[in-house]
């Protein structure tokens, strides 16, 4: 890290499957450069300032699950995450607004797996 930059408030990790894949990172690689930069910026904001810093973009869904909302016109991407303690954030799933209900169910399953 370069000198003078503030230290992130959270370490952000991507959920890893039993086979070592990172589904959210893989999904992000399929997006346009513009979309990756936009969502990457929101993940950076999450790491540095936490989810309460931008309530328009970070939404608390239930006791364990949060989402990052892409509010630009178009796909309406969503990234789902939870916390492991007070300093670690785990990104567990992502998708589009059109698949939100199914995506939330899978994100909850992945968070439960992390607890076990």
N, C-alpha and C. Protein backbone atom coordinates (compact mmCIF):
# COMPACT_ATOMS: atom_id res chain seq x y z
N UNK A 1 0.85 -1.18 0.00
CA UNK A 1 0.00 0.00 0.00
C UNK A 1 0.89 1.24 0.00
N UNK A 2 0.49 2.23 -0.79
CA UNK A 2 1.27 3.47 -0.86
C UNK A 2 1.12 4.25 0.43
N UNK A 3 2.18 4.95 0.78
CA UNK A 3 2.12 5.78 1.98
C UNK A 3 1.11 6.90 1.80
N UNK A 4 0.46 7.27 2.85
CA UNK A 4 -0.47 8.37 2.83
C UNK A 4 -1.91 7.97 2.57
N UNK A 5 -2.14 6.76 2.07
CA UNK A 5 -3.50 6.32 1.83
C UNK A 5 -4.10 5.76 3.11
N UNK A 6 -5.37 6.02 3.35
CA UNK A 6 -5.98 5.45 4.56
C UNK A 6 -6.08 3.94 4.45
N UNK A 7 -6.02 3.28 5.57
CA UNK A 7 -6.14 1.83 5.62
C UNK A 7 -7.62 1.45 5.50
N UNK A 8 -7.93 0.43 4.69
CA UNK A 8 -9.34 0.02 4.59
C UNK A 8 -9.90 -0.39 5.94
N UNK A 9 -11.19 -0.17 6.12
CA UNK A 9 -11.85 -0.54 7.35
C UNK A 9 -12.23 -2.02 7.38
N UNK A 10 -12.39 -2.62 6.18
CA UNK A 10 -12.76 -4.02 6.07
C UNK A 10 -11.86 -4.71 5.05
N UNK A 11 -11.55 -5.94 5.31
CA UNK A 11 -10.92 -6.77 4.28
C UNK A 11 -12.07 -7.41 3.51
N UNK A 12 -12.04 -7.30 2.19
CA UNK A 12 -13.11 -7.85 1.36
C UNK A 12 -12.57 -9.08 0.63
N UNK A 13 -13.24 -10.21 0.83
CA UNK A 13 -12.86 -11.47 0.19
C UNK A 13 -14.02 -11.98 -0.65
N UNK A 14 -13.69 -12.70 -1.68
CA UNK A 14 -14.71 -13.36 -2.49
C UNK A 14 -14.91 -14.78 -2.00
N UNK A 15 -16.15 -15.22 -1.94
CA UNK A 15 -16.49 -16.58 -1.55
C UNK A 15 -15.84 -17.54 -2.53
N UNK A 16 -15.30 -18.65 -2.02
CA UNK A 16 -14.60 -19.64 -2.84
C UNK A 16 -15.32 -20.97 -2.73
N UNK A 17 -15.58 -21.61 -3.86
CA UNK A 17 -16.23 -22.92 -3.87
C UNK A 17 -15.27 -23.98 -3.36
N UNK A 18 -15.81 -25.19 -3.14
CA UNK A 18 -14.97 -26.31 -2.72
C UNK A 18 -13.88 -26.63 -3.75
N UNK A 19 -14.14 -26.27 -5.00
CA UNK A 19 -13.18 -26.54 -6.08
C UNK A 19 -12.24 -25.37 -6.34
N UNK A 20 -12.31 -24.36 -5.49
CA UNK A 20 -11.39 -23.23 -5.58
C UNK A 20 -11.81 -22.12 -6.53
N UNK A 21 -13.02 -22.14 -7.03
CA UNK A 21 -13.51 -21.09 -7.92
C UNK A 21 -14.07 -19.91 -7.11
N UNK A 22 -14.03 -18.75 -7.71
CA UNK A 22 -14.61 -17.55 -7.13
C UNK A 22 -15.71 -17.07 -8.07
N UNK A 23 -16.96 -17.54 -7.85
CA UNK A 23 -18.05 -17.23 -8.79
C UNK A 23 -18.28 -15.74 -9.03
N UNK A 24 -18.19 -14.92 -8.01
CA UNK A 24 -18.44 -13.49 -8.21
C UNK A 24 -17.32 -12.86 -9.02
N UNK A 25 -16.08 -13.21 -8.71
CA UNK A 25 -14.96 -12.69 -9.49
C UNK A 25 -15.07 -13.15 -10.94
N UNK A 26 -15.44 -14.41 -11.15
CA UNK A 26 -15.62 -14.92 -12.52
C UNK A 26 -16.74 -14.16 -13.23
N UNK A 27 -17.84 -13.91 -12.53
CA UNK A 27 -18.96 -13.17 -13.10
C UNK A 27 -18.53 -11.76 -13.49
N UNK A 28 -17.78 -11.12 -12.62
CA UNK A 28 -17.34 -9.75 -12.90
C UNK A 28 -16.46 -9.69 -14.14
N UNK A 29 -15.68 -10.74 -14.40
CA UNK A 29 -14.80 -10.77 -15.58
C UNK A 29 -15.61 -10.79 -16.88
N UNK A 30 -16.87 -11.20 -16.81
CA UNK A 30 -17.70 -11.25 -18.02
C UNK A 30 -18.33 -9.90 -18.34
N UNK A 31 -18.23 -8.95 -17.43
CA UNK A 31 -18.85 -7.64 -17.60
C UNK A 31 -17.96 -6.71 -18.43
N UNK A 32 -18.55 -5.65 -18.92
CA UNK A 32 -17.78 -4.66 -19.67
C UNK A 32 -16.79 -3.97 -18.73
N UNK A 33 -15.79 -3.35 -19.30
CA UNK A 33 -14.80 -2.62 -18.51
C UNK A 33 -15.48 -1.54 -17.67
N UNK A 34 -16.43 -0.85 -18.27
CA UNK A 34 -17.15 0.21 -17.54
C UNK A 34 -17.89 -0.36 -16.33
N UNK A 35 -18.57 -1.50 -16.51
CA UNK A 35 -19.31 -2.11 -15.40
C UNK A 35 -18.36 -2.61 -14.32
N UNK A 36 -17.24 -3.21 -14.72
CA UNK A 36 -16.26 -3.68 -13.72
C UNK A 36 -15.70 -2.52 -12.91
N UNK A 37 -15.41 -1.42 -13.57
CA UNK A 37 -14.88 -0.25 -12.85
C UNK A 37 -15.92 0.30 -11.87
N UNK A 38 -17.16 0.38 -12.31
CA UNK A 38 -18.23 0.90 -11.46
C UNK A 38 -18.41 0.02 -10.23
N UNK A 39 -18.58 -1.28 -10.44
CA UNK A 39 -18.80 -2.20 -9.32
C UNK A 39 -17.55 -2.31 -8.45
N UNK A 40 -16.37 -2.30 -9.08
CA UNK A 40 -15.12 -2.32 -8.32
C UNK A 40 -15.00 -1.10 -7.42
N UNK A 41 -15.47 0.05 -7.91
CA UNK A 41 -15.46 1.27 -7.09
C UNK A 41 -16.37 1.14 -5.88
N UNK A 42 -17.53 0.50 -6.08
CA UNK A 42 -18.43 0.30 -4.94
C UNK A 42 -17.83 -0.69 -3.94
N UNK A 43 -17.14 -1.74 -4.42
CA UNK A 43 -16.46 -2.67 -3.51
C UNK A 43 -15.34 -1.95 -2.75
N UNK A 44 -14.63 -1.06 -3.43
CA UNK A 44 -13.58 -0.27 -2.77
C UNK A 44 -14.19 0.61 -1.69
N UNK A 45 -15.33 1.26 -2.00
CA UNK A 45 -16.01 2.09 -1.00
C UNK A 45 -16.42 1.25 0.21
N UNK A 46 -16.90 0.04 -0.05
CA UNK A 46 -17.27 -0.86 1.04
C UNK A 46 -16.06 -1.17 1.91
N UNK A 47 -14.94 -1.47 1.28
CA UNK A 47 -13.72 -1.81 2.03
C UNK A 47 -13.25 -0.64 2.90
N UNK A 48 -13.25 0.56 2.35
CA UNK A 48 -12.71 1.69 3.08
C UNK A 48 -13.68 2.28 4.10
N UNK A 49 -14.94 2.38 3.73
CA UNK A 49 -15.87 3.14 4.56
C UNK A 49 -16.99 2.32 5.19
N UNK A 50 -17.16 1.06 4.76
CA UNK A 50 -18.22 0.23 5.31
C UNK A 50 -19.55 0.46 4.63
N UNK A 51 -20.50 -0.40 4.93
CA UNK A 51 -21.79 -0.36 4.22
C UNK A 51 -22.69 0.80 4.61
N UNK A 52 -22.44 1.42 5.73
CA UNK A 52 -23.31 2.53 6.14
C UNK A 52 -22.90 3.85 5.50
N UNK A 53 -21.77 3.84 4.79
CA UNK A 53 -21.26 5.07 4.19
C UNK A 53 -22.08 5.53 2.98
N UNK A 54 -22.72 4.59 2.31
CA UNK A 54 -23.47 4.94 1.09
C UNK A 54 -24.79 4.18 1.09
N UNK A 55 -25.74 4.61 1.93
CA UNK A 55 -26.99 3.85 2.07
C UNK A 55 -27.80 3.74 0.77
N UNK A 56 -27.57 4.62 -0.16
CA UNK A 56 -28.26 4.54 -1.44
C UNK A 56 -27.80 3.29 -2.22
N UNK A 57 -26.56 2.89 -2.04
CA UNK A 57 -25.98 1.78 -2.79
C UNK A 57 -25.87 0.48 -1.98
N UNK A 58 -25.70 0.59 -0.67
CA UNK A 58 -25.55 -0.58 0.19
C UNK A 58 -26.83 -0.76 1.00
N UNK A 59 -27.48 -1.91 0.83
CA UNK A 59 -28.76 -2.13 1.50
C UNK A 59 -28.68 -3.37 2.38
N UNK A 60 -29.15 -3.24 3.61
CA UNK A 60 -29.20 -4.36 4.55
C UNK A 60 -30.48 -5.14 4.27
N UNK A 61 -30.36 -6.41 3.89
CA UNK A 61 -31.53 -7.22 3.53
C UNK A 61 -32.10 -7.99 4.70
N UNK A 62 -31.24 -8.57 5.53
CA UNK A 62 -31.68 -9.25 6.74
C UNK A 62 -30.51 -9.28 7.72
N UNK A 63 -30.65 -10.01 8.80
CA UNK A 63 -29.62 -9.97 9.85
C UNK A 63 -28.21 -10.24 9.34
N UNK A 64 -28.03 -11.06 8.32
CA UNK A 64 -26.69 -11.39 7.86
C UNK A 64 -26.36 -10.88 6.46
N UNK A 65 -27.35 -10.64 5.64
CA UNK A 65 -27.12 -10.38 4.22
C UNK A 65 -27.29 -8.91 3.84
N UNK A 66 -26.35 -8.42 3.06
CA UNK A 66 -26.36 -7.07 2.51
C UNK A 66 -26.26 -7.17 0.99
N UNK A 67 -26.62 -6.08 0.31
CA UNK A 67 -26.41 -6.04 -1.13
C UNK A 67 -25.83 -4.69 -1.55
N UNK A 68 -25.06 -4.75 -2.61
CA UNK A 68 -24.60 -3.55 -3.30
C UNK A 68 -25.52 -3.41 -4.50
N UNK A 69 -26.12 -2.25 -4.66
CA UNK A 69 -27.08 -2.04 -5.74
C UNK A 69 -26.50 -1.12 -6.81
N UNK A 70 -26.57 -1.57 -8.04
CA UNK A 70 -26.19 -0.76 -9.19
C UNK A 70 -27.43 0.02 -9.58
N UNK A 71 -27.41 1.32 -9.38
CA UNK A 71 -28.59 2.13 -9.61
C UNK A 71 -28.57 2.84 -10.96
N UNK A 72 -27.62 2.49 -11.81
CA UNK A 72 -27.60 3.06 -13.15
C UNK A 72 -28.72 2.41 -13.97
N UNK A 73 -29.13 3.06 -15.03
CA UNK A 73 -30.13 2.46 -15.92
C UNK A 73 -29.51 1.27 -16.62
N UNK A 74 -30.28 0.23 -16.79
CA UNK A 74 -29.77 -0.96 -17.47
C UNK A 74 -29.99 -2.20 -16.63
N UNK A 75 -28.96 -3.00 -16.52
CA UNK A 75 -29.07 -4.33 -15.91
C UNK A 75 -29.45 -4.29 -14.43
N UNK A 76 -29.00 -3.30 -13.71
CA UNK A 76 -29.28 -3.27 -12.27
C UNK A 76 -28.55 -4.37 -11.53
N UNK A 77 -27.25 -4.44 -11.71
CA UNK A 77 -26.45 -5.49 -11.06
C UNK A 77 -26.57 -5.41 -9.55
N UNK A 78 -26.46 -6.57 -8.92
CA UNK A 78 -26.47 -6.69 -7.46
C UNK A 78 -25.28 -7.57 -7.04
N UNK A 79 -24.64 -7.19 -5.95
CA UNK A 79 -23.58 -8.00 -5.35
C UNK A 79 -23.98 -8.22 -3.90
N UNK A 80 -23.98 -9.48 -3.46
CA UNK A 80 -24.44 -9.82 -2.11
C UNK A 80 -23.24 -10.16 -1.23
N UNK A 81 -23.29 -9.68 0.01
CA UNK A 81 -22.17 -9.90 0.92
C UNK A 81 -22.65 -9.99 2.36
N UNK A 82 -21.77 -10.50 3.20
CA UNK A 82 -22.01 -10.61 4.63
C UNK A 82 -20.71 -10.37 5.36
N UNK A 83 -20.74 -10.48 6.66
CA UNK A 83 -19.55 -10.20 7.47
C UNK A 83 -19.16 -11.39 8.32
N UNK A 84 -17.86 -11.54 8.51
CA UNK A 84 -17.30 -12.53 9.41
C UNK A 84 -16.54 -11.74 10.47
N UNK A 85 -17.21 -11.45 11.52
CA UNK A 85 -16.61 -10.60 12.54
C UNK A 85 -16.78 -9.14 12.18
N UNK A 86 -15.92 -8.29 12.73
CA UNK A 86 -16.08 -6.85 12.55
C UNK A 86 -15.19 -6.26 11.46
N UNK A 87 -14.29 -7.05 10.88
CA UNK A 87 -13.37 -6.47 9.91
C UNK A 87 -13.31 -7.21 8.58
N UNK A 88 -14.01 -8.33 8.46
CA UNK A 88 -13.94 -9.10 7.22
C UNK A 88 -15.30 -9.14 6.55
N UNK A 89 -15.32 -8.78 5.28
CA UNK A 89 -16.53 -8.80 4.47
C UNK A 89 -16.35 -9.89 3.41
N UNK A 90 -17.34 -10.73 3.22
CA UNK A 90 -17.26 -11.80 2.24
C UNK A 90 -18.33 -11.61 1.18
N UNK A 91 -17.89 -11.46 -0.06
CA UNK A 91 -18.80 -11.31 -1.20
C UNK A 91 -19.20 -12.72 -1.62
N UNK A 92 -20.49 -13.04 -1.52
CA UNK A 92 -20.94 -14.42 -1.73
C UNK A 92 -21.67 -14.69 -3.03
N UNK A 93 -22.24 -13.66 -3.64
CA UNK A 93 -22.98 -13.91 -4.89
C UNK A 93 -23.24 -12.60 -5.60
N UNK A 94 -23.59 -12.69 -6.89
CA UNK A 94 -23.91 -11.50 -7.68
C UNK A 94 -24.87 -11.88 -8.79
N UNK A 95 -25.54 -10.89 -9.32
CA UNK A 95 -26.46 -11.13 -10.42
C UNK A 95 -27.12 -9.85 -10.86
N UNK A 96 -28.23 -9.99 -11.57
CA UNK A 96 -28.97 -8.84 -12.07
C UNK A 96 -30.30 -8.72 -11.33
N UNK A 97 -30.91 -7.58 -11.44
CA UNK A 97 -32.19 -7.32 -10.77
C UNK A 97 -33.22 -8.38 -11.16
N UNK A 98 -33.19 -8.83 -12.41
CA UNK A 98 -34.19 -9.79 -12.89
C UNK A 98 -34.11 -11.15 -12.19
N UNK A 99 -32.94 -11.48 -11.63
CA UNK A 99 -32.79 -12.77 -10.94
C UNK A 99 -32.62 -12.59 -9.44
N UNK A 100 -33.03 -11.46 -8.93
CA UNK A 100 -32.77 -11.08 -7.54
C UNK A 100 -33.30 -12.09 -6.51
N UNK A 101 -34.52 -12.55 -6.65
CA UNK A 101 -35.09 -13.47 -5.65
C UNK A 101 -34.26 -14.75 -5.57
N UNK A 102 -33.93 -15.32 -6.70
CA UNK A 102 -33.12 -16.55 -6.75
C UNK A 102 -31.70 -16.28 -6.21
N UNK A 103 -31.14 -15.14 -6.57
CA UNK A 103 -29.79 -14.79 -6.13
C UNK A 103 -29.72 -14.61 -4.62
N UNK A 104 -30.74 -14.00 -4.03
CA UNK A 104 -30.76 -13.81 -2.58
C UNK A 104 -30.80 -15.16 -1.86
N UNK A 105 -31.60 -16.09 -2.37
CA UNK A 105 -31.65 -17.42 -1.75
C UNK A 105 -30.29 -18.09 -1.77
N UNK A 106 -29.60 -18.03 -2.91
CA UNK A 106 -28.27 -18.64 -3.01
C UNK A 106 -27.27 -17.93 -2.11
N UNK A 107 -27.34 -16.61 -2.03
CA UNK A 107 -26.43 -15.87 -1.15
C UNK A 107 -26.62 -16.28 0.30
N UNK A 108 -27.87 -16.47 0.73
CA UNK A 108 -28.14 -16.92 2.10
C UNK A 108 -27.56 -18.30 2.35
N UNK A 109 -27.69 -19.19 1.39
CA UNK A 109 -27.13 -20.54 1.52
C UNK A 109 -25.62 -20.46 1.69
N UNK A 110 -24.97 -19.65 0.88
CA UNK A 110 -23.51 -19.53 0.97
C UNK A 110 -23.07 -18.93 2.30
N UNK A 111 -23.80 -17.97 2.81
CA UNK A 111 -23.45 -17.41 4.11
C UNK A 111 -23.61 -18.45 5.21
N UNK A 112 -24.67 -19.27 5.13
CA UNK A 112 -24.84 -20.34 6.13
C UNK A 112 -23.68 -21.34 6.06
N UNK A 113 -23.22 -21.65 4.86
CA UNK A 113 -22.09 -22.57 4.70
C UNK A 113 -20.85 -22.01 5.38
N UNK A 114 -20.67 -20.71 5.33
CA UNK A 114 -19.52 -20.10 5.96
C UNK A 114 -19.59 -20.20 7.49
N UNK A 115 -20.80 -20.18 8.02
CA UNK A 115 -20.97 -20.28 9.47
C UNK A 115 -20.67 -21.67 10.00
N UNK A 116 -20.90 -22.69 9.17
CA UNK A 116 -20.69 -24.09 9.60
C UNK A 116 -19.23 -24.46 9.69
